[in-house]
Each structure stands twice: as structure tokens, then as C-alpha cells.
Amino acid sequence: MFVELMPLLKERTLLITVARIDQKLKVNVIPTKARDGEDQALTTPLTYTALPEELDAELGKHLASYVDSHMQLGSTLAEAKAEMDAAAKAARQRAKTSQQTAKSTQTQPKPETPAPAPITAETPNLFASAPTPTEQPAQAAGEEGGA
């Protein structure tokens, strides 16, 4: 009986109670929490009620099965916790990376739009000075033809 409990006793303390109920015995094997925050499923007790002769013959097999199930559950819970921790770490890293990317795009100066080119042509003036010499003969020729 105790050989079967040894793997479980490596990690935690077990409370074993035995009670007589009429001609039968009731055996409880109750694992304690190994550390704070541990899943409550790892403290599920085993209760076995049978005649003393049956307990002598069968309890070892039932304890071996219980310890095996308990160890598998502990392993599965540890794997699930490790996977969730890794996923949370990856999500935090992605969020941090996206925040840094968003900040870098916000801090980069926006390309400046070029200022409109200054107008180089002179604006016509209503009070323009006298016509240039090249314009006078054309006006004179127009007057001669009309006379």
C-alpha cells in the first residue's frame, strides 16, 4: 500500500483516515496542497469502502491507479499553465511591439508640402507707363490705314 503512495509523497503530504462502518472499513487518502495557488483538483481525495480482506487484496491496485491519475493531472495542469504563460508573454510582446511601432510612426516628421512657387511674371498695372518704342509704329500704321 505505501509503495504505491511513494510517488505522490514526493510532492505532498497525505492524510490517511480509516473508519469502521459496521463490518466494513472506510479508507480516505487526502492529498494536501503542495503550494499556494495550486489547483484544487490536485487535492481530490480517494475514498474506498470494503471488507478488511478486500482492502488487503485491492487497496494497493486502487492506490496505484489513483496516484497515476493524480500525477497525470498534475502534469497536464503544469503543461497547460506553461502554455498559457507562454501565450500571455507572447501577447504582451506583440502589444509592446505594436505600441513601439505606433509611437515611431507618430514621432516621424511628416514630409513637408512644398510652398507654392512665387509668381515671377509681373502683374499688369492699370497705370502703365507710355508704350515702348516698338509699340508706337504699329499704332501709327493703324492710324494711316484708317485715314
N, C-alpha and C. Protein backbone atom coordinates (compact mmCIF):
# COMPACT_ATOMS: atom_id res chain seq x y z
N MET A 1 0.83 -1.19 0.00
CA MET A 1 0.00 0.00 0.00
C MET A 1 0.87 1.26 0.00
N PHE A 2 1.89 1.33 0.81
CA PHE A 2 2.71 2.54 0.92
C PHE A 2 3.67 2.69 -0.26
N VAL A 3 4.04 1.59 -0.87
CA VAL A 3 4.89 1.65 -2.06
C VAL A 3 4.17 2.42 -3.16
N GLU A 4 2.88 2.18 -3.31
CA GLU A 4 2.09 2.85 -4.34
C GLU A 4 1.96 4.35 -4.07
N LEU A 5 2.03 4.73 -2.82
CA LEU A 5 1.87 6.15 -2.46
C LEU A 5 3.16 6.95 -2.59
N MET A 6 4.29 6.29 -2.70
CA MET A 6 5.58 6.99 -2.70
C MET A 6 5.70 8.09 -3.77
N PRO A 7 5.27 7.88 -5.03
CA PRO A 7 5.40 8.99 -6.00
C PRO A 7 4.63 10.24 -5.58
N LEU A 8 3.47 10.02 -4.97
CA LEU A 8 2.66 11.15 -4.53
C LEU A 8 3.27 11.81 -3.30
N LEU A 9 3.89 11.02 -2.45
CA LEU A 9 4.51 11.55 -1.24
C LEU A 9 5.77 12.37 -1.53
N LYS A 10 6.33 12.25 -2.73
CA LYS A 10 7.49 13.07 -3.11
C LYS A 10 7.11 14.55 -3.16
N GLU A 11 5.87 14.81 -3.56
CA GLU A 11 5.44 16.18 -3.81
C GLU A 11 4.59 16.78 -2.70
N ARG A 12 3.92 15.95 -1.90
CA ARG A 12 2.96 16.49 -0.95
C ARG A 12 2.75 15.54 0.22
N THR A 13 2.10 16.07 1.22
CA THR A 13 1.73 15.28 2.39
C THR A 13 0.36 14.67 2.14
N LEU A 14 0.16 13.45 2.63
CA LEU A 14 -1.13 12.77 2.53
C LEU A 14 -1.69 12.55 3.92
N LEU A 15 -2.97 12.73 4.02
CA LEU A 15 -3.68 12.44 5.26
C LEU A 15 -4.48 11.16 5.00
N ILE A 16 -4.24 10.13 5.80
CA ILE A 16 -4.96 8.85 5.64
C ILE A 16 -5.81 8.64 6.88
N THR A 17 -7.11 8.42 6.63
CA THR A 17 -8.01 8.12 7.75
C THR A 17 -8.65 6.76 7.49
N VAL A 18 -8.91 6.06 8.56
CA VAL A 18 -9.58 4.76 8.47
C VAL A 18 -10.70 4.77 9.50
N ALA A 19 -11.89 4.40 9.06
CA ALA A 19 -13.04 4.36 9.96
C ALA A 19 -13.78 3.03 9.76
N ARG A 20 -14.34 2.53 10.83
CA ARG A 20 -15.13 1.30 10.74
C ARG A 20 -16.59 1.69 10.59
N ILE A 21 -17.21 1.11 9.57
CA ILE A 21 -18.64 1.31 9.33
C ILE A 21 -19.24 -0.10 9.26
N ASP A 22 -19.93 -0.49 10.33
CA ASP A 22 -20.45 -1.85 10.50
C ASP A 22 -19.30 -2.86 10.39
N GLN A 23 -19.35 -3.75 9.41
CA GLN A 23 -18.30 -4.75 9.25
C GLN A 23 -17.25 -4.34 8.21
N LYS A 24 -17.41 -3.16 7.64
CA LYS A 24 -16.51 -2.69 6.58
C LYS A 24 -15.59 -1.60 7.13
N LEU A 25 -14.56 -1.31 6.36
CA LEU A 25 -13.65 -0.22 6.68
C LEU A 25 -13.72 0.82 5.56
N LYS A 26 -13.68 2.06 5.97
CA LYS A 26 -13.65 3.18 5.00
C LYS A 26 -12.29 3.84 5.12
N VAL A 27 -11.55 3.86 4.00
CA VAL A 27 -10.21 4.45 3.96
C VAL A 27 -10.28 5.70 3.10
N ASN A 28 -9.77 6.80 3.65
CA ASN A 28 -9.69 8.07 2.92
C ASN A 28 -8.22 8.44 2.75
N VAL A 29 -7.83 8.75 1.54
CA VAL A 29 -6.48 9.26 1.26
C VAL A 29 -6.68 10.66 0.72
N ILE A 30 -6.21 11.65 1.50
CA ILE A 30 -6.46 13.05 1.17
C ILE A 30 -5.13 13.77 0.96
N PRO A 31 -4.82 14.15 -0.27
CA PRO A 31 -3.59 14.90 -0.51
C PRO A 31 -3.75 16.36 -0.10
N THR A 32 -2.69 16.93 0.45
CA THR A 32 -2.71 18.35 0.81
C THR A 32 -2.12 19.16 -0.33
N LYS A 33 -2.35 20.47 -0.28
CA LYS A 33 -1.76 21.35 -1.30
C LYS A 33 -0.25 21.39 -1.10
N ALA A 34 0.47 21.29 -2.19
CA ALA A 34 1.93 21.36 -2.13
C ALA A 34 2.40 22.81 -2.02
N ARG A 35 1.61 23.75 -2.59
CA ARG A 35 1.97 25.18 -2.54
C ARG A 35 0.71 26.01 -2.74
N ASP A 36 0.77 27.24 -2.34
CA ASP A 36 -0.36 28.15 -2.51
C ASP A 36 -0.64 28.35 -3.99
N GLY A 37 -1.89 28.52 -4.33
CA GLY A 37 -2.27 28.77 -5.71
C GLY A 37 -2.39 27.50 -6.53
N GLU A 38 -2.15 26.36 -5.94
CA GLU A 38 -2.23 25.09 -6.66
C GLU A 38 -3.69 24.78 -6.96
N ASP A 39 -3.94 24.13 -8.07
CA ASP A 39 -5.29 23.79 -8.47
C ASP A 39 -5.93 22.85 -7.45
N GLN A 40 -7.17 23.11 -7.13
CA GLN A 40 -7.91 22.34 -6.14
C GLN A 40 -8.09 20.88 -6.57
N ALA A 41 -8.07 20.61 -7.87
CA ALA A 41 -8.24 19.25 -8.37
C ALA A 41 -7.14 18.32 -7.85
N LEU A 42 -5.98 18.88 -7.54
CA LEU A 42 -4.87 18.06 -7.05
C LEU A 42 -5.04 17.65 -5.59
N THR A 43 -6.08 18.11 -4.96
CA THR A 43 -6.35 17.71 -3.56
C THR A 43 -7.61 16.86 -3.46
N THR A 44 -8.05 16.29 -4.58
CA THR A 44 -9.24 15.43 -4.58
C THR A 44 -8.92 14.14 -3.80
N PRO A 45 -9.72 13.83 -2.81
CA PRO A 45 -9.42 12.63 -2.01
C PRO A 45 -9.88 11.33 -2.68
N LEU A 46 -9.30 10.23 -2.23
CA LEU A 46 -9.73 8.89 -2.64
C LEU A 46 -10.42 8.28 -1.43
N THR A 47 -11.61 7.76 -1.64
CA THR A 47 -12.33 7.07 -0.57
C THR A 47 -12.67 5.68 -1.06
N TYR A 48 -12.33 4.69 -0.24
CA TYR A 48 -12.57 3.31 -0.61
C TYR A 48 -13.18 2.60 0.59
N THR A 49 -14.35 1.99 0.40
CA THR A 49 -15.04 1.27 1.47
C THR A 49 -15.18 -0.20 1.08
N ALA A 50 -14.71 -1.10 1.95
CA ALA A 50 -14.78 -2.54 1.66
C ALA A 50 -14.52 -3.32 2.94
N LEU A 51 -14.68 -4.64 2.83
CA LEU A 51 -14.34 -5.52 3.94
C LEU A 51 -12.82 -5.50 4.13
N PRO A 52 -12.33 -5.75 5.32
CA PRO A 52 -10.88 -5.73 5.56
C PRO A 52 -10.12 -6.66 4.61
N GLU A 53 -10.65 -7.81 4.31
CA GLU A 53 -9.98 -8.74 3.39
C GLU A 53 -9.89 -8.16 1.99
N GLU A 54 -10.98 -7.51 1.56
CA GLU A 54 -10.99 -6.87 0.24
C GLU A 54 -9.99 -5.72 0.19
N LEU A 55 -9.91 -4.96 1.27
CA LEU A 55 -8.94 -3.86 1.32
C LEU A 55 -7.52 -4.39 1.20
N ASP A 56 -7.24 -5.50 1.91
CA ASP A 56 -5.91 -6.10 1.82
C ASP A 56 -5.58 -6.51 0.39
N ALA A 57 -6.56 -7.03 -0.33
CA ALA A 57 -6.32 -7.55 -1.67
C ALA A 57 -6.36 -6.45 -2.75
N GLU A 58 -7.22 -5.45 -2.58
CA GLU A 58 -7.48 -4.49 -3.66
C GLU A 58 -6.95 -3.08 -3.44
N LEU A 59 -6.73 -2.67 -2.23
CA LEU A 59 -6.39 -1.27 -1.98
C LEU A 59 -5.11 -0.85 -2.70
N GLY A 60 -4.12 -1.70 -2.78
CA GLY A 60 -2.87 -1.37 -3.46
C GLY A 60 -3.09 -1.01 -4.93
N LYS A 61 -3.92 -1.79 -5.64
CA LYS A 61 -4.21 -1.50 -7.05
C LYS A 61 -4.95 -0.17 -7.20
N HIS A 62 -5.92 0.06 -6.30
CA HIS A 62 -6.68 1.31 -6.36
C HIS A 62 -5.79 2.52 -6.05
N LEU A 63 -4.90 2.35 -5.10
CA LEU A 63 -3.97 3.45 -4.78
C LEU A 63 -3.02 3.72 -5.94
N ALA A 64 -2.53 2.66 -6.58
CA ALA A 64 -1.63 2.83 -7.73
C ALA A 64 -2.33 3.58 -8.86
N SER A 65 -3.58 3.23 -9.12
CA SER A 65 -4.36 3.91 -10.16
C SER A 65 -4.62 5.36 -9.78
N TYR A 66 -4.94 5.60 -8.51
CA TYR A 66 -5.20 6.95 -8.02
C TYR A 66 -3.94 7.82 -8.15
N VAL A 67 -2.81 7.29 -7.72
CA VAL A 67 -1.55 8.05 -7.79
C VAL A 67 -1.19 8.33 -9.24
N ASP A 68 -1.37 7.36 -10.13
CA ASP A 68 -1.08 7.57 -11.55
C ASP A 68 -1.96 8.67 -12.13
N SER A 69 -3.26 8.61 -11.83
CA SER A 69 -4.18 9.65 -12.32
C SER A 69 -3.80 11.01 -11.76
N HIS A 70 -3.44 11.03 -10.49
CA HIS A 70 -3.06 12.28 -9.84
C HIS A 70 -1.81 12.87 -10.48
N MET A 71 -0.83 12.04 -10.77
CA MET A 71 0.41 12.51 -11.39
C MET A 71 0.14 13.03 -12.81
N GLN A 72 -0.71 12.32 -13.56
CA GLN A 72 -1.05 12.78 -14.92
C GLN A 72 -1.78 14.11 -14.87
N LEU A 73 -2.71 14.24 -13.93
CA LEU A 73 -3.45 15.50 -13.79
C LEU A 73 -2.49 16.64 -13.44
N GLY A 74 -1.58 16.39 -12.51
CA GLY A 74 -0.60 17.41 -12.14
C GLY A 74 0.25 17.82 -13.32
N SER A 75 0.67 16.83 -14.11
CA SER A 75 1.49 17.11 -15.30
C SER A 75 0.70 17.90 -16.33
N THR A 76 -0.54 17.49 -16.56
CA THR A 76 -1.39 18.19 -17.53
C THR A 76 -1.65 19.63 -17.10
N LEU A 77 -1.92 19.83 -15.83
CA LEU A 77 -2.15 21.18 -15.32
C LEU A 77 -0.89 22.03 -15.46
N ALA A 78 0.26 21.44 -15.17
CA ALA A 78 1.52 22.18 -15.30
C ALA A 78 1.78 22.56 -16.75
N GLU A 79 1.51 21.64 -17.68
CA GLU A 79 1.70 21.93 -19.11
C GLU A 79 0.75 23.03 -19.57
N ALA A 80 -0.51 22.93 -19.14
CA ALA A 80 -1.49 23.96 -19.53
C ALA A 80 -1.09 25.32 -18.98
N LYS A 81 -0.62 25.36 -17.75
CA LYS A 81 -0.19 26.63 -17.16
C LYS A 81 1.01 27.18 -17.92
N ALA A 82 1.96 26.31 -18.27
CA ALA A 82 3.14 26.76 -19.02
C ALA A 82 2.73 27.31 -20.39
N GLU A 83 1.80 26.65 -21.05
CA GLU A 83 1.33 27.12 -22.36
C GLU A 83 0.62 28.46 -22.23
N MET A 84 -0.20 28.60 -21.20
CA MET A 84 -0.91 29.87 -21.00
C MET A 84 0.07 30.99 -20.67
N ASP A 85 1.08 30.69 -19.86
CA ASP A 85 2.10 31.70 -19.54
C ASP A 85 2.86 32.12 -20.79
N ALA A 86 3.22 31.13 -21.63
CA ALA A 86 3.93 31.45 -22.87
C ALA A 86 3.06 32.28 -23.81
N ALA A 87 1.78 31.93 -23.90
CA ALA A 87 0.87 32.70 -24.76
C ALA A 87 0.69 34.12 -24.24
N ALA A 88 0.59 34.27 -22.94
CA ALA A 88 0.44 35.60 -22.35
C ALA A 88 1.70 36.43 -22.59
N LYS A 89 2.86 35.80 -22.47
CA LYS A 89 4.12 36.51 -22.71
C LYS A 89 4.22 36.95 -24.17
N ALA A 90 3.83 36.06 -25.08
CA ALA A 90 3.86 36.40 -26.50
C ALA A 90 2.88 37.54 -26.81
N ALA A 91 1.71 37.50 -26.19
CA ALA A 91 0.72 38.58 -26.41
C ALA A 91 1.24 39.90 -25.88
N ARG A 92 1.89 39.88 -24.71
CA ARG A 92 2.47 41.12 -24.18
C ARG A 92 3.57 41.64 -25.10
N GLN A 93 4.37 40.74 -25.64
CA GLN A 93 5.45 41.15 -26.54
C GLN A 93 4.88 41.76 -27.82
N ARG A 94 3.82 41.13 -28.37
CA ARG A 94 3.19 41.68 -29.58
C ARG A 94 2.61 43.05 -29.30
N ALA A 95 1.97 43.21 -28.15
CA ALA A 95 1.38 44.51 -27.80
C ALA A 95 2.48 45.56 -27.64
N LYS A 96 3.57 45.18 -27.01
CA LYS A 96 4.68 46.12 -26.82
C LYS A 96 5.28 46.52 -28.16
N THR A 97 5.44 45.55 -29.06
CA THR A 97 5.99 45.83 -30.39
C THR A 97 5.06 46.74 -31.17
N SER A 98 3.76 46.47 -31.11
CA SER A 98 2.83 47.31 -31.87
C SER A 98 2.76 48.72 -31.29
N GLN A 99 2.91 48.86 -29.97
CA GLN A 99 2.93 50.19 -29.37
C GLN A 99 4.17 50.95 -29.80
N GLN A 100 5.31 50.26 -29.85
CA GLN A 100 6.54 50.92 -30.27
C GLN A 100 6.44 51.33 -31.73
N THR A 101 5.84 50.48 -32.56
CA THR A 101 5.66 50.81 -33.98
C THR A 101 4.75 52.02 -34.12
N ALA A 102 3.67 52.05 -33.34
CA ALA A 102 2.74 53.18 -33.41
C ALA A 102 3.41 54.46 -32.96
N LYS A 103 4.22 54.38 -31.92
CA LYS A 103 4.92 55.57 -31.43
C LYS A 103 5.93 56.06 -32.46
N SER A 104 6.64 55.15 -33.11
CA SER A 104 7.67 55.57 -34.06
C SER A 104 7.03 56.22 -35.29
N THR A 105 5.84 55.76 -35.69
CA THR A 105 5.19 56.40 -36.83
C THR A 105 4.63 57.76 -36.44
N GLN A 106 4.27 57.93 -35.17
CA GLN A 106 3.77 59.22 -34.72
C GLN A 106 4.88 60.23 -34.56
N THR A 107 6.08 59.81 -34.19
CA THR A 107 7.18 60.74 -33.94
C THR A 107 7.94 61.09 -35.20
N GLN A 108 7.78 60.33 -36.27
CA GLN A 108 8.47 60.66 -37.51
C GLN A 108 7.84 61.93 -38.09
N PRO A 109 8.69 62.91 -38.51
CA PRO A 109 8.12 64.13 -39.07
C PRO A 109 7.42 63.83 -40.39
N LYS A 110 6.31 64.47 -40.59
CA LYS A 110 5.59 64.28 -41.84
C LYS A 110 6.32 65.06 -42.92
N PRO A 111 6.35 64.55 -44.14
CA PRO A 111 7.02 65.27 -45.21
C PRO A 111 6.33 66.62 -45.43
N GLU A 112 7.17 67.65 -45.54
CA GLU A 112 6.61 68.98 -45.73
C GLU A 112 6.13 69.14 -47.16
N THR A 113 4.99 69.80 -47.30
CA THR A 113 4.50 70.06 -48.64
C THR A 113 5.24 71.29 -49.15
N PRO A 114 5.69 71.24 -50.38
CA PRO A 114 6.46 72.39 -50.89
C PRO A 114 5.57 73.63 -50.97
N ALA A 115 6.17 74.74 -50.66
CA ALA A 115 5.45 76.01 -50.73
C ALA A 115 5.21 76.32 -52.21
N PRO A 116 4.10 76.98 -52.51
CA PRO A 116 3.85 77.30 -53.92
C PRO A 116 4.96 78.21 -54.45
N ALA A 117 5.31 77.94 -55.68
CA ALA A 117 6.38 78.73 -56.31
C ALA A 117 5.92 80.18 -56.45
N PRO A 118 6.82 81.13 -56.18
CA PRO A 118 6.43 82.53 -56.31
C PRO A 118 6.16 82.86 -57.78
N ILE A 119 5.23 83.75 -57.99
CA ILE A 119 4.88 84.16 -59.36
C ILE A 119 5.94 85.14 -59.82
N THR A 120 6.57 84.83 -60.94
CA THR A 120 7.65 85.67 -61.42
C THR A 120 7.18 86.66 -62.48
N ALA A 121 6.11 86.38 -63.14
CA ALA A 121 5.62 87.32 -64.16
C ALA A 121 5.07 88.56 -63.45
N GLU A 122 5.31 89.68 -64.10
CA GLU A 122 4.84 90.92 -63.50
C GLU A 122 3.34 91.04 -63.68
N THR A 123 2.72 91.52 -62.66
CA THR A 123 1.29 91.75 -62.73
C THR A 123 1.03 93.02 -63.53
N PRO A 124 0.10 92.96 -64.49
CA PRO A 124 -0.16 94.16 -65.29
C PRO A 124 -0.66 95.30 -64.39
N ASN A 125 -0.23 96.47 -64.72
CA ASN A 125 -0.59 97.65 -63.95
C ASN A 125 -1.56 98.48 -64.77
N LEU A 126 -2.60 98.97 -64.14
CA LEU A 126 -3.56 99.78 -64.87
C LEU A 126 -2.96 101.12 -65.29
N PHE A 127 -2.02 101.55 -64.49
CA PHE A 127 -1.41 102.84 -64.81
C PHE A 127 -0.04 102.62 -65.42
N ALA A 128 -0.03 101.86 -66.50
CA ALA A 128 1.24 101.53 -67.15
C ALA A 128 1.84 102.79 -67.76
N SER A 129 3.14 102.83 -67.87
CA SER A 129 3.83 103.98 -68.45
C SER A 129 3.62 104.00 -69.96
N ALA A 130 4.19 104.91 -70.60
CA ALA A 130 4.00 105.09 -72.03
C ALA A 130 4.44 103.85 -72.79
N PRO A 131 3.79 103.58 -73.93
CA PRO A 131 4.13 102.39 -74.72
C PRO A 131 5.60 102.42 -75.12
N THR A 132 6.13 101.24 -75.24
CA THR A 132 7.53 101.13 -75.64
C THR A 132 7.67 101.52 -77.09
N PRO A 133 8.88 101.85 -77.57
CA PRO A 133 9.05 102.29 -78.96
C PRO A 133 8.62 101.27 -79.98
N THR A 134 8.65 100.01 -79.68
CA THR A 134 8.25 99.02 -80.67
C THR A 134 6.75 99.02 -80.85
N GLU A 135 6.01 99.49 -79.88
CA GLU A 135 4.56 99.50 -79.99
C GLU A 135 4.08 100.76 -80.76
N GLN A 136 4.79 101.85 -80.78
CA GLN A 136 4.35 103.09 -81.41
C GLN A 136 4.21 102.95 -82.92
N PRO A 137 5.13 102.35 -83.66
CA PRO A 137 4.93 102.28 -85.11
C PRO A 137 3.70 101.48 -85.47
N ALA A 138 3.37 100.44 -84.69
CA ALA A 138 2.21 99.66 -85.03
C ALA A 138 0.96 100.50 -84.87
N GLN A 139 0.91 101.37 -83.90
CA GLN A 139 -0.24 102.22 -83.70
C GLN A 139 -0.31 103.26 -84.81
N ALA A 140 0.84 103.75 -85.22
CA ALA A 140 0.85 104.76 -86.27
C ALA A 140 0.41 104.15 -87.59
N ALA A 141 0.81 102.93 -87.87
CA ALA A 141 0.42 102.28 -89.10
C ALA A 141 -1.06 102.05 -89.10
N GLY A 142 -1.61 101.77 -87.98
CA GLY A 142 -3.05 101.54 -87.89
C GLY A 142 -3.82 102.81 -88.15
N GLU A 143 -3.26 103.96 -87.79
CA GLU A 143 -3.94 105.22 -87.97
C GLU A 143 -3.88 105.65 -89.43
N GLU A 144 -2.77 105.31 -90.13
CA GLU A 144 -2.63 105.69 -91.50
C GLU A 144 -3.58 104.92 -92.40
N GLY A 145 -3.74 103.70 -92.08
CA GLY A 145 -4.59 102.89 -92.92
C GLY A 145 -6.04 103.27 -92.75
N GLY A 146 -6.40 103.83 -91.63
CA GLY A 146 -7.78 104.16 -91.38
C GLY A 146 -8.14 105.55 -91.88
N ALA A 147 -7.17 106.44 -92.37
CA ALA A 147 -7.43 107.79 -92.74
C ALA A 147 -7.72 108.00 -94.14
